[in-house]
Amino acid sequence: MTKEELNKIEERLNKAQKGIWKAYIEGKDHTSGSSFIMTGIGSERGNDIELFGATEADYDFIANAKQDIPKLIAELRKLAE
């Protein structure tokens, strides 16, 4: 992976809604409404993200990518030193 590719991934990450993302699955995490991804918490709260046709695993993957990708970027940069 080139530095430019890694920078573009980080740029997309930084343009996404701020904060920690967490998947809330109907029937597991709450009992009414639909499944969604909560973006941010408290004063950092952003818009909820709803997906159509997504599985529980899809929700978990997408929500956790917000926390996982920065760790992966940091590790790749560390390994490239």
N, C-alpha and C. Protein backbone atom coordinates (compact mmCIF):
# COMPACT_ATOMS: atom_id res chain seq x y z
N MET A 1 0.85 -1.17 0.00
CA MET A 1 0.00 0.00 0.00
C MET A 1 0.90 1.23 0.00
N THR A 2 0.57 2.18 -0.84
CA THR A 2 1.37 3.40 -0.92
C THR A 2 0.94 4.38 0.19
N LYS A 3 1.81 5.36 0.46
CA LYS A 3 1.47 6.41 1.43
C LYS A 3 0.25 7.18 0.95
N GLU A 4 0.15 7.40 -0.35
CA GLU A 4 -0.99 8.13 -0.90
C GLU A 4 -2.30 7.37 -0.66
N GLU A 5 -2.28 6.06 -0.86
CA GLU A 5 -3.48 5.25 -0.59
C GLU A 5 -3.87 5.32 0.88
N LEU A 6 -2.88 5.21 1.75
CA LEU A 6 -3.15 5.27 3.18
C LEU A 6 -3.69 6.64 3.57
N ASN A 7 -3.13 7.70 2.99
CA ASN A 7 -3.62 9.05 3.26
C ASN A 7 -5.06 9.23 2.80
N LYS A 8 -5.43 8.64 1.67
CA LYS A 8 -6.80 8.74 1.17
C LYS A 8 -7.78 8.00 2.09
N ILE A 9 -7.37 6.85 2.60
CA ILE A 9 -8.20 6.12 3.56
C ILE A 9 -8.42 6.97 4.81
N GLU A 10 -7.34 7.57 5.31
CA GLU A 10 -7.44 8.41 6.50
C GLU A 10 -8.30 9.64 6.23
N GLU A 11 -8.20 10.19 5.05
CA GLU A 11 -9.03 11.35 4.68
C GLU A 11 -10.52 10.99 4.70
N ARG A 12 -10.87 9.82 4.14
CA ARG A 12 -12.27 9.37 4.18
C ARG A 12 -12.73 9.17 5.61
N LEU A 13 -11.87 8.57 6.43
CA LEU A 13 -12.18 8.36 7.84
C LEU A 13 -12.47 9.69 8.53
N ASN A 14 -11.63 10.67 8.30
CA ASN A 14 -11.77 11.96 8.98
C ASN A 14 -12.97 12.76 8.49
N LYS A 15 -13.46 12.48 7.29
CA LYS A 15 -14.65 13.16 6.76
C LYS A 15 -15.94 12.54 7.29
N ALA A 16 -15.86 11.31 7.78
CA ALA A 16 -17.05 10.64 8.33
C ALA A 16 -17.45 11.32 9.63
N GLN A 17 -18.66 11.06 10.07
CA GLN A 17 -19.15 11.65 11.32
C GLN A 17 -18.20 11.31 12.47
N LYS A 18 -18.08 12.25 13.37
CA LYS A 18 -17.13 12.14 14.49
C LYS A 18 -17.59 11.14 15.54
N GLY A 19 -16.66 10.88 16.45
CA GLY A 19 -16.98 10.11 17.64
C GLY A 19 -16.93 8.61 17.47
N ILE A 20 -17.15 7.95 18.56
CA ILE A 20 -17.25 6.49 18.58
C ILE A 20 -18.57 6.11 17.94
N TRP A 21 -18.55 5.07 17.12
CA TRP A 21 -19.78 4.57 16.52
C TRP A 21 -20.15 3.26 17.21
N LYS A 22 -21.45 3.05 17.41
CA LYS A 22 -21.92 1.81 18.03
C LYS A 22 -23.18 1.34 17.34
N ALA A 23 -23.23 0.06 17.03
CA ALA A 23 -24.41 -0.53 16.41
C ALA A 23 -25.44 -0.84 17.49
N TYR A 24 -26.68 -0.46 17.24
CA TYR A 24 -27.82 -0.80 18.10
C TYR A 24 -28.76 -1.65 17.27
N ILE A 25 -28.89 -2.91 17.65
CA ILE A 25 -29.66 -3.88 16.89
C ILE A 25 -31.02 -4.08 17.55
N GLU A 26 -32.08 -3.88 16.76
CA GLU A 26 -33.43 -4.08 17.27
C GLU A 26 -33.58 -5.52 17.74
N GLY A 27 -34.16 -5.69 18.93
CA GLY A 27 -34.36 -7.02 19.51
C GLY A 27 -33.19 -7.49 20.34
N LYS A 28 -32.05 -6.85 20.18
CA LYS A 28 -30.87 -7.20 20.98
C LYS A 28 -30.50 -6.04 21.91
N ASP A 29 -30.39 -4.84 21.35
CA ASP A 29 -29.98 -3.67 22.12
C ASP A 29 -31.14 -2.76 22.50
N HIS A 30 -32.24 -2.89 21.81
CA HIS A 30 -33.45 -2.12 22.12
C HIS A 30 -34.65 -2.87 21.55
N THR A 31 -35.87 -2.51 22.00
CA THR A 31 -37.03 -3.33 21.65
C THR A 31 -37.97 -2.70 20.63
N SER A 32 -37.78 -1.44 20.28
CA SER A 32 -38.68 -0.86 19.28
C SER A 32 -37.89 0.03 18.34
N GLY A 33 -38.45 0.23 17.17
CA GLY A 33 -37.75 1.01 16.15
C GLY A 33 -36.97 0.09 15.25
N SER A 34 -35.95 0.63 14.62
CA SER A 34 -35.14 -0.17 13.71
C SER A 34 -33.70 -0.21 14.19
N SER A 35 -32.93 -1.08 13.60
CA SER A 35 -31.50 -1.13 13.90
C SER A 35 -30.84 0.12 13.32
N PHE A 36 -29.79 0.59 14.00
CA PHE A 36 -29.10 1.79 13.52
C PHE A 36 -27.69 1.83 14.10
N ILE A 37 -26.87 2.71 13.57
CA ILE A 37 -25.55 2.97 14.10
C ILE A 37 -25.59 4.35 14.72
N MET A 38 -25.29 4.44 16.01
CA MET A 38 -25.22 5.73 16.69
C MET A 38 -23.82 6.28 16.49
N THR A 39 -23.75 7.53 16.05
CA THR A 39 -22.45 8.16 15.84
C THR A 39 -22.22 9.19 16.93
N GLY A 40 -21.08 9.06 17.60
CA GLY A 40 -20.73 9.99 18.66
C GLY A 40 -21.56 9.80 19.91
N ILE A 41 -21.13 10.49 20.97
CA ILE A 41 -21.87 10.46 22.23
C ILE A 41 -21.86 11.86 22.84
N GLY A 42 -22.86 12.14 23.65
CA GLY A 42 -22.95 13.43 24.33
C GLY A 42 -22.96 14.59 23.34
N SER A 43 -22.13 15.58 23.61
CA SER A 43 -22.08 16.77 22.74
C SER A 43 -21.48 16.47 21.38
N GLU A 44 -20.84 15.32 21.24
CA GLU A 44 -20.25 14.89 19.96
C GLU A 44 -21.22 14.06 19.13
N ARG A 45 -22.47 13.91 19.59
CA ARG A 45 -23.45 13.05 18.92
C ARG A 45 -23.75 13.57 17.54
N GLY A 46 -23.68 12.66 16.56
CA GLY A 46 -24.01 12.99 15.18
C GLY A 46 -25.33 12.35 14.80
N ASN A 47 -25.57 12.26 13.51
CA ASN A 47 -26.79 11.63 13.00
C ASN A 47 -26.68 10.11 13.10
N ASP A 48 -27.80 9.48 13.40
CA ASP A 48 -27.84 8.01 13.37
C ASP A 48 -27.76 7.57 11.91
N ILE A 49 -27.18 6.39 11.70
CA ILE A 49 -27.07 5.81 10.36
C ILE A 49 -27.96 4.58 10.33
N GLU A 50 -28.89 4.55 9.37
CA GLU A 50 -29.74 3.37 9.18
C GLU A 50 -29.37 2.72 7.86
N LEU A 51 -29.35 1.41 7.85
CA LEU A 51 -29.00 0.65 6.65
C LEU A 51 -30.17 -0.23 6.25
N PHE A 52 -30.32 -0.45 4.99
CA PHE A 52 -31.38 -1.33 4.49
C PHE A 52 -30.74 -2.59 3.93
N GLY A 53 -31.24 -3.73 4.36
CA GLY A 53 -30.73 -5.00 3.87
C GLY A 53 -29.48 -5.48 4.59
N ALA A 54 -29.07 -4.77 5.64
CA ALA A 54 -27.86 -5.14 6.36
C ALA A 54 -28.14 -6.20 7.42
N THR A 55 -27.19 -7.07 7.62
CA THR A 55 -27.28 -8.06 8.68
C THR A 55 -26.72 -7.46 9.97
N GLU A 56 -26.91 -8.16 11.06
CA GLU A 56 -26.33 -7.73 12.34
C GLU A 56 -24.81 -7.63 12.21
N ALA A 57 -24.21 -8.59 11.51
CA ALA A 57 -22.76 -8.57 11.31
C ALA A 57 -22.33 -7.36 10.48
N ASP A 58 -23.15 -6.96 9.50
CA ASP A 58 -22.84 -5.77 8.70
C ASP A 58 -22.83 -4.52 9.58
N TYR A 59 -23.86 -4.39 10.44
CA TYR A 59 -23.92 -3.26 11.36
C TYR A 59 -22.69 -3.22 12.26
N ASP A 60 -22.34 -4.36 12.83
CA ASP A 60 -21.18 -4.42 13.73
C ASP A 60 -19.89 -4.07 12.99
N PHE A 61 -19.74 -4.58 11.77
CA PHE A 61 -18.54 -4.30 10.98
C PHE A 61 -18.41 -2.80 10.68
N ILE A 62 -19.48 -2.21 10.19
CA ILE A 62 -19.45 -0.79 9.81
C ILE A 62 -19.23 0.09 11.03
N ALA A 63 -19.95 -0.17 12.11
CA ALA A 63 -19.79 0.64 13.32
C ALA A 63 -18.38 0.53 13.88
N ASN A 64 -17.84 -0.67 13.93
CA ASN A 64 -16.51 -0.87 14.50
C ASN A 64 -15.40 -0.38 13.59
N ALA A 65 -15.66 -0.25 12.29
CA ALA A 65 -14.65 0.26 11.37
C ALA A 65 -14.20 1.66 11.79
N LYS A 66 -15.10 2.45 12.35
CA LYS A 66 -14.77 3.81 12.79
C LYS A 66 -13.68 3.78 13.86
N GLN A 67 -13.67 2.76 14.70
CA GLN A 67 -12.64 2.62 15.73
C GLN A 67 -11.45 1.78 15.25
N ASP A 68 -11.71 0.81 14.36
CA ASP A 68 -10.66 -0.12 13.92
C ASP A 68 -9.70 0.51 12.90
N ILE A 69 -10.22 1.31 11.99
CA ILE A 69 -9.38 1.86 10.91
C ILE A 69 -8.27 2.76 11.46
N PRO A 70 -8.54 3.65 12.42
CA PRO A 70 -7.41 4.44 12.94
C PRO A 70 -6.29 3.57 13.53
N LYS A 71 -6.66 2.49 14.19
CA LYS A 71 -5.65 1.58 14.76
C LYS A 71 -4.84 0.92 13.65
N LEU A 72 -5.52 0.50 12.60
CA LEU A 72 -4.82 -0.13 11.47
C LEU A 72 -3.88 0.86 10.79
N ILE A 73 -4.34 2.09 10.59
CA ILE A 73 -3.51 3.12 9.97
C ILE A 73 -2.26 3.36 10.82
N ALA A 74 -2.45 3.50 12.11
CA ALA A 74 -1.31 3.74 13.01
C ALA A 74 -0.31 2.59 12.95
N GLU A 75 -0.81 1.37 12.91
CA GLU A 75 0.08 0.19 12.86
C GLU A 75 0.83 0.15 11.54
N LEU A 76 0.15 0.43 10.42
CA LEU A 76 0.82 0.44 9.13
C LEU A 76 1.90 1.50 9.07
N ARG A 77 1.61 2.66 9.61
CA ARG A 77 2.61 3.75 9.62
C ARG A 77 3.81 3.36 10.50
N LYS A 78 3.54 2.71 11.62
CA LYS A 78 4.60 2.26 12.51
C LYS A 78 5.50 1.24 11.81
N LEU A 79 4.88 0.29 11.11
CA LEU A 79 5.63 -0.73 10.41
C LEU A 79 6.45 -0.16 9.26
N ALA A 80 5.99 0.95 8.69
CA ALA A 80 6.68 1.56 7.55
C ALA A 80 7.90 2.38 7.98
N GLU A 81 8.02 2.65 9.27
CA GLU A 81 9.16 3.47 9.75
C GLU A 81 10.47 2.75 9.58
